[in-house]
Protein backbone atom coordinates (compact mmCIF):
# COMPACT_ATOMS: atom_id res chain seq x y z
CA UNK A 1 14.70 -12.60 -35.98
CA UNK A 2 17.51 -13.32 -33.52
CA UNK A 3 16.94 -12.96 -29.79
CA UNK A 4 19.21 -9.89 -29.58
CA UNK A 5 17.16 -8.14 -32.28
CA UNK A 6 13.95 -9.01 -30.47
CA UNK A 7 15.38 -7.56 -27.23
CA UNK A 8 16.39 -4.33 -28.98
CA UNK A 9 12.91 -4.04 -30.47
CA UNK A 10 11.28 -4.58 -27.06
CA UNK A 11 13.46 -1.86 -25.51
CA UNK A 12 12.68 0.55 -28.36
CA UNK A 13 8.93 -0.09 -28.07
CA UNK A 14 8.83 0.37 -24.31
CA UNK A 15 11.03 3.47 -24.36
CA UNK A 16 8.37 5.28 -26.35
CA UNK A 17 5.86 4.55 -23.56
CA UNK A 18 7.64 6.91 -21.18
CA UNK A 19 7.76 10.55 -22.23
CA UNK A 20 9.27 12.79 -19.56
CA UNK A 21 10.67 16.26 -19.04
CA UNK A 22 12.70 17.83 -16.25
CA UNK A 23 12.00 21.18 -14.66
CA UNK A 24 13.51 23.02 -11.66
CA UNK A 25 10.94 25.02 -9.68
CA UNK A 26 11.19 27.20 -6.60
CA UNK A 27 9.26 26.32 -3.45
CA UNK A 28 7.39 29.61 -3.78
CA UNK A 29 6.21 28.65 -7.29
CA UNK A 30 5.22 25.18 -6.04
CA UNK A 31 3.17 26.73 -3.22
CA UNK A 32 1.39 28.94 -5.76
CA UNK A 33 0.55 25.88 -7.88
CA UNK A 34 -0.95 24.20 -4.81
CA UNK A 35 -2.95 27.30 -3.88
CA UNK A 36 -4.37 27.53 -7.42
CA UNK A 37 -5.08 23.76 -7.46
CA UNK A 38 -2.72 23.17 -10.37
CA UNK A 39 -0.97 20.36 -8.50
CA UNK A 40 -3.07 17.60 -6.97
CA UNK A 41 -2.36 15.60 -3.84
CA UNK A 42 -5.30 13.26 -3.53
CA UNK A 43 -6.82 13.19 -0.01
CA UNK A 44 -6.39 9.41 0.08
CA UNK A 45 -2.65 9.86 -0.54
CA UNK A 46 -2.43 12.22 2.42
CA UNK A 47 -3.82 9.52 4.71
CA UNK A 48 -0.64 7.59 3.88
CA UNK A 49 1.57 10.57 4.82
CA UNK A 50 3.41 9.23 7.84
CA UNK A 51 6.86 10.76 8.13
CA UNK A 52 8.11 11.22 11.69
CA UNK A 53 8.77 14.65 13.18
CA UNK A 54 12.49 13.99 12.86
CA UNK A 55 12.26 13.16 9.15
CA UNK A 56 10.24 16.29 8.48
CA UNK A 57 12.65 18.59 10.31
CA UNK A 58 15.65 16.98 8.58
CA UNK A 59 14.11 17.78 5.18
CA UNK A 60 13.55 21.44 6.14
CA UNK A 61 17.13 21.59 7.43
CA UNK A 62 18.43 20.13 4.15
CA UNK A 63 16.61 22.80 2.14
CA UNK A 64 17.87 25.59 4.39
CA UNK A 65 21.44 24.31 4.05
CA UNK A 66 21.19 23.84 0.28
CA UNK A 67 21.62 20.07 0.43
CA UNK A 68 20.11 18.52 -2.74
CA UNK A 69 17.00 16.40 -2.29
CA UNK A 70 15.79 13.72 -4.74
CA UNK A 71 13.71 14.63 -7.77
CA UNK A 72 9.93 14.78 -7.35
CA UNK A 73 7.84 12.96 -9.95
CA UNK A 74 4.54 14.35 -11.24
CA UNK A 75 2.13 13.28 -13.96
CA UNK A 76 0.93 16.05 -16.28
CA UNK A 77 -2.63 15.56 -17.48
CA UNK A 78 -3.87 16.84 -20.87
CA UNK A 79 -4.98 20.14 -19.27
CA UNK A 80 -1.45 20.78 -17.98
CA UNK A 81 -2.24 20.16 -14.31
CA UNK A 82 0.13 18.03 -12.25
CA UNK A 83 -0.67 15.01 -10.11
CA UNK A 84 1.92 14.02 -7.53
CA UNK A 85 3.29 10.55 -8.27
CA UNK A 86 6.36 10.28 -6.04
CA UNK A 87 7.54 12.72 -3.38
CA UNK A 88 4.42 12.80 -1.19
CA UNK A 89 6.36 13.06 2.08
CA UNK A 90 8.69 15.77 0.79
CA UNK A 91 6.00 17.95 -0.76
CA UNK A 92 3.56 17.47 2.14
CA UNK A 93 6.27 18.36 4.66
CA UNK A 94 7.10 21.58 2.79
CA UNK A 95 3.41 22.55 2.60
CA UNK A 96 2.91 21.67 6.27
CA UNK A 97 5.87 23.89 7.23
CA UNK A 98 4.43 26.73 5.13
CA UNK A 99 1.10 26.20 6.92
CA UNK A 100 -0.87 25.52 3.73
CA UNK A 101 -1.31 21.71 3.79
CA UNK A 102 -5.05 21.07 3.95
CA UNK A 103 -6.11 19.07 6.99
CA UNK A 104 -2.71 19.25 8.72
CA UNK A 105 -1.45 21.17 11.76
CA UNK A 106 1.42 23.62 11.36
CA UNK A 107 4.91 22.15 11.64
CA UNK A 108 6.99 23.39 14.57
CA UNK A 109 10.71 22.79 14.07
CA UNK A 110 13.18 21.19 16.45
CA UNK A 111 16.82 22.05 16.81
CA UNK A 112 19.09 19.90 14.65
CA UNK A 113 22.73 18.83 14.71
CA UNK A 114 23.79 21.65 12.40
CA UNK A 115 21.06 24.18 13.24
CA UNK A 116 20.31 23.85 16.98
CA UNK A 117 18.76 27.34 17.00
CA UNK A 118 15.88 26.13 14.78
CA UNK A 119 14.23 24.82 17.92
CA UNK A 120 10.67 26.08 18.40
CA UNK A 121 10.26 27.99 15.14
CA UNK A 122 7.06 28.12 13.08
CA UNK A 123 6.87 29.54 9.56
CA UNK A 124 4.46 32.16 10.89
CA UNK A 125 3.67 33.22 14.44
CA UNK A 126 -0.02 32.96 15.29
CA UNK A 127 0.07 33.38 19.07
CA UNK A 128 2.00 35.41 21.58
CA UNK A 129 5.35 33.86 22.38
CA UNK A 130 5.61 31.77 19.19
CA UNK A 131 8.85 32.05 17.25
CA UNK A 132 8.47 33.07 13.60
CA UNK A 133 11.08 32.29 10.96
CA UNK A 134 12.91 35.56 10.06
CA UNK A 135 11.98 37.17 6.73
CA UNK A 136 15.44 36.65 5.24
CA UNK A 137 15.22 32.90 5.89
CA UNK A 138 11.67 32.81 4.47
CA UNK A 139 12.82 34.43 1.24
CA UNK A 140 15.76 32.04 0.93
CA UNK A 141 13.50 29.03 1.61
CA UNK A 142 10.87 30.10 -0.95
CA UNK A 143 13.55 30.69 -3.58
CA UNK A 144 15.11 27.25 -3.05
CA UNK A 145 14.74 25.08 -6.15
CA UNK A 146 13.33 21.57 -6.33
CA UNK A 147 13.87 19.29 -9.29
CA UNK A 148 10.75 17.86 -10.92
CA UNK A 149 10.53 14.99 -13.37
CA UNK A 150 7.32 15.36 -15.36
CA UNK A 151 5.65 12.30 -16.87
CA UNK A 152 3.90 13.84 -19.88
CA UNK A 153 0.29 13.05 -20.71
CA UNK A 154 1.23 11.37 -24.02
CA UNK A 155 3.01 8.62 -22.06
CA UNK A 156 1.49 5.15 -21.80
CA UNK A 157 -1.48 5.25 -19.41
CA UNK A 158 0.36 2.93 -16.99
CA UNK A 159 3.49 5.09 -16.87
CA UNK A 160 2.72 7.02 -13.70
CA UNK A 161 2.13 4.02 -11.45
CA UNK A 162 4.87 1.95 -13.12
CA UNK A 163 7.30 4.74 -12.21
CA UNK A 164 5.93 4.94 -8.66
CA UNK A 165 6.20 1.19 -8.07
CA UNK A 166 9.77 0.99 -9.37
CA UNK A 167 10.92 4.01 -7.38
CA UNK A 168 9.51 2.67 -4.13
CA UNK A 169 10.01 -1.09 -4.33
CA UNK A 170 12.77 -2.08 -1.96
CA UNK A 171 12.63 1.15 0.00
CA UNK A 172 12.36 1.19 3.79
CA UNK A 173 9.64 3.80 4.19
CA UNK A 174 6.75 1.88 2.64
CA UNK A 175 5.64 -1.74 2.80
CA UNK A 176 4.90 -3.62 -0.42
CA UNK A 177 1.19 -3.33 0.31
CA UNK A 178 1.40 0.43 0.87
CA UNK A 179 2.97 0.67 -2.59
CA UNK A 180 0.12 -1.45 -4.05
CA UNK A 181 -2.39 0.82 -2.29
CA UNK A 182 -0.85 3.84 -3.97
CA UNK A 183 -0.92 2.07 -7.34
CA UNK A 184 -4.63 1.37 -6.77
CA UNK A 185 -5.24 5.03 -6.03
CA UNK A 186 -3.43 6.12 -9.17
CA UNK A 187 -5.14 3.71 -11.49
CA UNK A 188 -8.64 3.38 -10.12
CA UNK A 189 -9.66 5.13 -6.89
CA UNK A 190 -13.15 3.50 -6.73
CA UNK A 191 -11.49 0.07 -6.66
CA UNK A 192 -9.16 1.25 -3.90
CA UNK A 193 -12.25 2.31 -1.93
CA UNK A 194 -13.81 -1.12 -2.54
CA UNK A 195 -10.66 -2.79 -1.18
CA UNK A 196 -10.46 -0.41 1.75
CA UNK A 197 -14.09 -0.98 2.76
CA UNK A 198 -13.68 -4.77 2.59
CA UNK A 199 -10.51 -4.54 4.69
CA UNK A 200 -12.50 -2.64 7.34
CA UNK A 201 -15.20 -5.36 7.49
CA UNK A 202 -15.40 -6.02 11.23
CA UNK A 203 -15.66 -9.83 11.18
CA UNK A 204 -12.51 -9.90 9.02
CA UNK A 205 -10.70 -7.55 11.40
CA UNK A 206 -11.80 -9.63 14.40
CA UNK A 207 -10.72 -12.95 12.94
CA UNK A 208 -7.20 -11.87 11.90
CA UNK A 209 -6.59 -9.97 15.16
CA UNK A 210 -3.35 -8.25 14.11
CA UNK A 211 -1.04 -6.01 16.09
CA UNK A 212 -1.27 -2.23 15.70
CA UNK A 213 2.08 -2.21 13.89
CA UNK A 214 0.86 -4.68 11.24
CA UNK A 215 -2.28 -2.65 10.67
CA UNK A 216 -0.12 0.45 10.34
CA UNK A 217 1.90 -1.33 7.64
CA UNK A 218 -1.34 -2.27 5.82
CA UNK A 219 -0.86 -6.02 6.39
CA UNK A 220 -4.65 -6.46 6.66
CA UNK A 221 -4.94 -5.08 3.10
CA UNK A 222 -2.29 -7.57 1.97
CA UNK A 223 -4.21 -10.43 3.60
CA UNK A 224 -7.36 -9.32 1.78
CA UNK A 225 -5.49 -9.25 -1.53
CA UNK A 226 -3.86 -12.61 -0.73
CA UNK A 227 -7.31 -14.13 -0.06
CA UNK A 228 -8.75 -12.80 -3.33
CA UNK A 229 -5.65 -13.83 -5.28
CA UNK A 230 -5.54 -17.40 -4.00
CA UNK A 231 -9.29 -18.00 -4.32
CA UNK A 232 -9.74 -16.53 -7.80
CA UNK A 233 -6.35 -16.51 -9.55
CA UNK A 234 -3.90 -19.36 -10.36
CA UNK A 235 -0.56 -19.10 -8.59
CA UNK A 236 2.54 -18.97 -10.80
CA UNK A 237 5.09 -20.93 -8.74
CA UNK A 238 7.97 -19.41 -10.74
CA UNK A 239 7.27 -15.99 -9.24
CA UNK A 240 7.85 -14.66 -5.76
CA UNK A 241 4.62 -14.16 -3.86
CA UNK A 242 5.11 -10.38 -3.87
CA UNK A 243 5.37 -10.30 -7.66
CA UNK A 244 2.34 -12.60 -7.93
CA UNK A 245 0.31 -10.25 -5.71
CA UNK A 246 1.47 -7.26 -7.79
CA UNK A 247 0.22 -9.02 -10.95
CA UNK A 248 -3.12 -9.91 -9.35
CA UNK A 249 -3.48 -6.34 -8.11
CA UNK A 250 -2.97 -5.08 -11.65
CA UNK A 251 -5.43 -7.62 -13.09
CA UNK A 252 -8.15 -6.60 -10.64
CA UNK A 253 -7.57 -2.95 -11.48
CA UNK A 254 -7.61 -3.38 -15.25
CA UNK A 255 -9.94 -6.29 -16.07
CA UNK A 256 -13.46 -5.04 -16.59
CA UNK A 257 -14.89 -8.54 -16.13
CA UNK A 258 -13.71 -8.97 -12.53
CA UNK A 259 -16.84 -9.89 -10.44
CA UNK A 260 -16.54 -7.35 -7.64
CA UNK A 261 -20.02 -7.87 -6.19
CA UNK A 262 -19.74 -11.66 -6.04
CA UNK A 263 -16.21 -11.55 -4.61
CA UNK A 264 -17.28 -9.05 -1.94
CA UNK A 265 -20.34 -11.07 -0.95
CA UNK A 266 -18.39 -14.34 -0.69
CA UNK A 267 -15.62 -12.62 1.29
CA UNK A 268 -18.16 -11.32 3.82
CA UNK A 269 -19.89 -14.70 4.14
CA UNK A 270 -16.53 -16.40 4.69
CA UNK A 271 -15.36 -14.10 7.44
CA UNK A 272 -18.76 -13.81 9.09
CA UNK A 273 -18.74 -17.60 9.43
CA UNK A 274 -15.20 -17.69 10.85
CA UNK A 275 -15.81 -14.76 13.18
CA UNK A 276 -19.03 -16.28 14.54
CA UNK A 277 -17.32 -19.61 15.06
CA UNK A 278 -13.85 -18.73 16.37
CA UNK A 279 -13.50 -14.94 16.46
CA UNK A 280 -9.82 -13.99 16.99
CA UNK A 281 -8.81 -17.67 17.21
CA UNK A 282 -9.70 -18.30 13.54
CA UNK A 283 -6.09 -18.57 12.37
CA UNK A 284 -4.39 -19.94 15.48
CA UNK A 285 -3.27 -23.54 15.82
CA UNK A 286 -5.53 -26.12 17.49
CA UNK A 287 -3.49 -28.06 20.08
CA UNK A 288 -6.10 -30.73 20.79
CA UNK A 289 -7.99 -28.71 23.38
CA UNK A 290 -8.02 -25.09 22.21
CA UNK A 291 -6.82 -22.70 19.48
CA UNK A 292 -3.69 -20.98 20.83
CA UNK A 293 -0.65 -18.97 19.86
CA UNK A 294 -0.14 -16.26 17.29
CA UNK A 295 -1.81 -15.54 13.95
CA UNK A 296 -0.47 -18.02 11.36
CA UNK A 297 -0.19 -16.91 7.75
CA UNK A 298 -0.23 -20.56 6.66
CA UNK A 299 -3.49 -21.11 8.56
CA UNK A 300 -4.99 -18.05 6.87
CA UNK A 301 -3.96 -19.33 3.43
CA UNK A 302 -5.50 -22.71 4.19
CA UNK A 303 -8.64 -21.96 6.22
CA UNK A 304 -9.75 -18.69 4.62
CA UNK A 305 -8.91 -19.75 1.06
CA UNK A 306 -10.32 -23.26 1.49
CA UNK A 307 -13.58 -22.00 2.97
CA UNK A 308 -13.79 -19.03 0.60
CA UNK A 309 -13.52 -21.32 -2.42
CA UNK A 310 -16.34 -23.52 -1.10
CA UNK A 311 -18.50 -20.95 0.69
CA UNK A 312 -21.40 -21.46 -1.72
CA UNK A 313 -22.00 -25.05 -0.56
CA UNK A 314 -22.15 -24.23 3.17
CA UNK A 315 -25.25 -23.12 5.08
CA UNK A 316 -24.63 -21.27 8.33
CA UNK A 317 -25.29 -21.56 11.22
CA UNK A 318 -26.47 -25.12 10.42
CA UNK A 319 -23.00 -26.14 9.22
CA UNK A 320 -21.05 -24.57 12.08
CA UNK A 321 -20.11 -27.94 13.60
CA UNK A 322 -18.99 -29.34 10.24
CA UNK A 323 -16.70 -26.37 9.68
CA UNK A 324 -15.36 -26.42 13.24
CA UNK A 325 -14.42 -30.10 12.96
CA UNK A 326 -12.70 -29.48 9.64
CA UNK A 327 -10.62 -26.65 11.09
CA UNK A 328 -9.66 -28.73 14.15
CA UNK A 329 -8.70 -31.69 11.96
CA UNK A 330 -6.60 -29.49 9.68
CA UNK A 331 -3.79 -29.37 12.22
CA UNK A 332 -3.27 -33.15 12.20
CA UNK A 333 -3.19 -33.39 8.41
CA UNK A 334 0.18 -34.52 7.08
CA UNK A 335 0.09 -32.18 4.08
CA UNK A 336 -0.58 -29.16 6.27
CA UNK A 337 2.12 -30.02 8.79
CA UNK A 338 4.76 -30.72 6.14
CA UNK A 339 4.25 -27.50 4.21
CA UNK A 340 3.16 -25.11 6.97
CA UNK A 341 6.15 -25.72 9.22
CA UNK A 342 8.43 -22.99 10.48
CA UNK A 343 10.99 -23.73 7.77
CA UNK A 344 8.54 -23.19 4.91
CA UNK A 345 8.32 -20.08 2.78
CA UNK A 346 5.32 -18.81 0.86
CA UNK A 347 6.75 -19.55 -2.59
CA UNK A 348 7.05 -23.29 -1.83
CA UNK A 349 4.12 -23.44 0.61
CA UNK A 350 1.34 -21.93 -1.47
CA UNK A 351 1.48 -24.28 -4.52
CA UNK A 352 0.99 -27.24 -2.19
CA UNK A 353 -1.29 -25.88 0.52
CA UNK A 354 -3.82 -24.04 -1.62
CA UNK A 355 -4.96 -27.02 -3.78
CA UNK A 356 -5.05 -29.12 -0.61
CA UNK A 357 -7.13 -26.46 1.19
CA UNK A 358 -9.66 -26.13 -1.62
CA UNK A 359 -10.23 -29.87 -1.58
CA UNK A 360 -10.10 -30.30 2.22
CA UNK A 361 -12.83 -27.72 2.86
CA UNK A 362 -15.31 -29.22 0.46
CA UNK A 363 -18.39 -30.09 2.50
């Protein structure tokens, strides 16, 4: 079979994996679905709902002015209920404005460029002096139509998170790790909870000592995934690191044989040791007298991965001095300094540093 025929066959086979339908629905109908629990927004998804006040008000303004908004994607389960796949911010903003979003305060509008008189309005007045949206505007808003793309239940089981990842990759509103977190939630929420609990492990948090912005962007979750990936999975140097982490994320979520308990225990031993020894200096450069400067991703990939691979042969606190000397000596090693320099990138750095680290941290 010629390559072109093979390609056509691959396209034909994969096309059958995605069965979708399109459906316009009014906001009033959508609100009724939510009230009757026929559309699901998982609570864990709502924790990732982080649109600014300005973004929320702009969406409401767009609906009021009849400006089209992008299609919302839902997955329809065998019972006919919908699970939100893409459009969390849009749907949550609408429900928050209507005052029906569970766990959220009511949305008070600001004046906008085109509708300055929106300033101060709530959907419904609940206290003296509050401005309530006029009935005519309420009716118009509730009758406004949204376009839904429905991923039908007979689609391939991976369809819903494949769609989500492709829609969001490259966007500015979510980091790559936030997208992976959502994929975890869609495919296997217990595994997401396992990841989340490990990422909250205090010795790990102490040793990486990240800024509030990086935590907000879920960089600590990416570092956790990076640690697991580099300790337990071979790195394919032909792929970008982001694609490699996506593949590892999928493997962890789908491979029944993945040793969660052992991985979790070794992770905790590794970061307890580093936290007890160096605390927030664990991944800062040793200058001959002290560990100084900012968190170094290359140091994390070397120290955490090297120690994590060999954690079973160390005994702490007896081996504290051995480990401390190894970490200090790391920063005068030629291999480390060549490949961890400011001009390096992860795709070229990792294939050289990780094998070196696993050997260097052998006791």
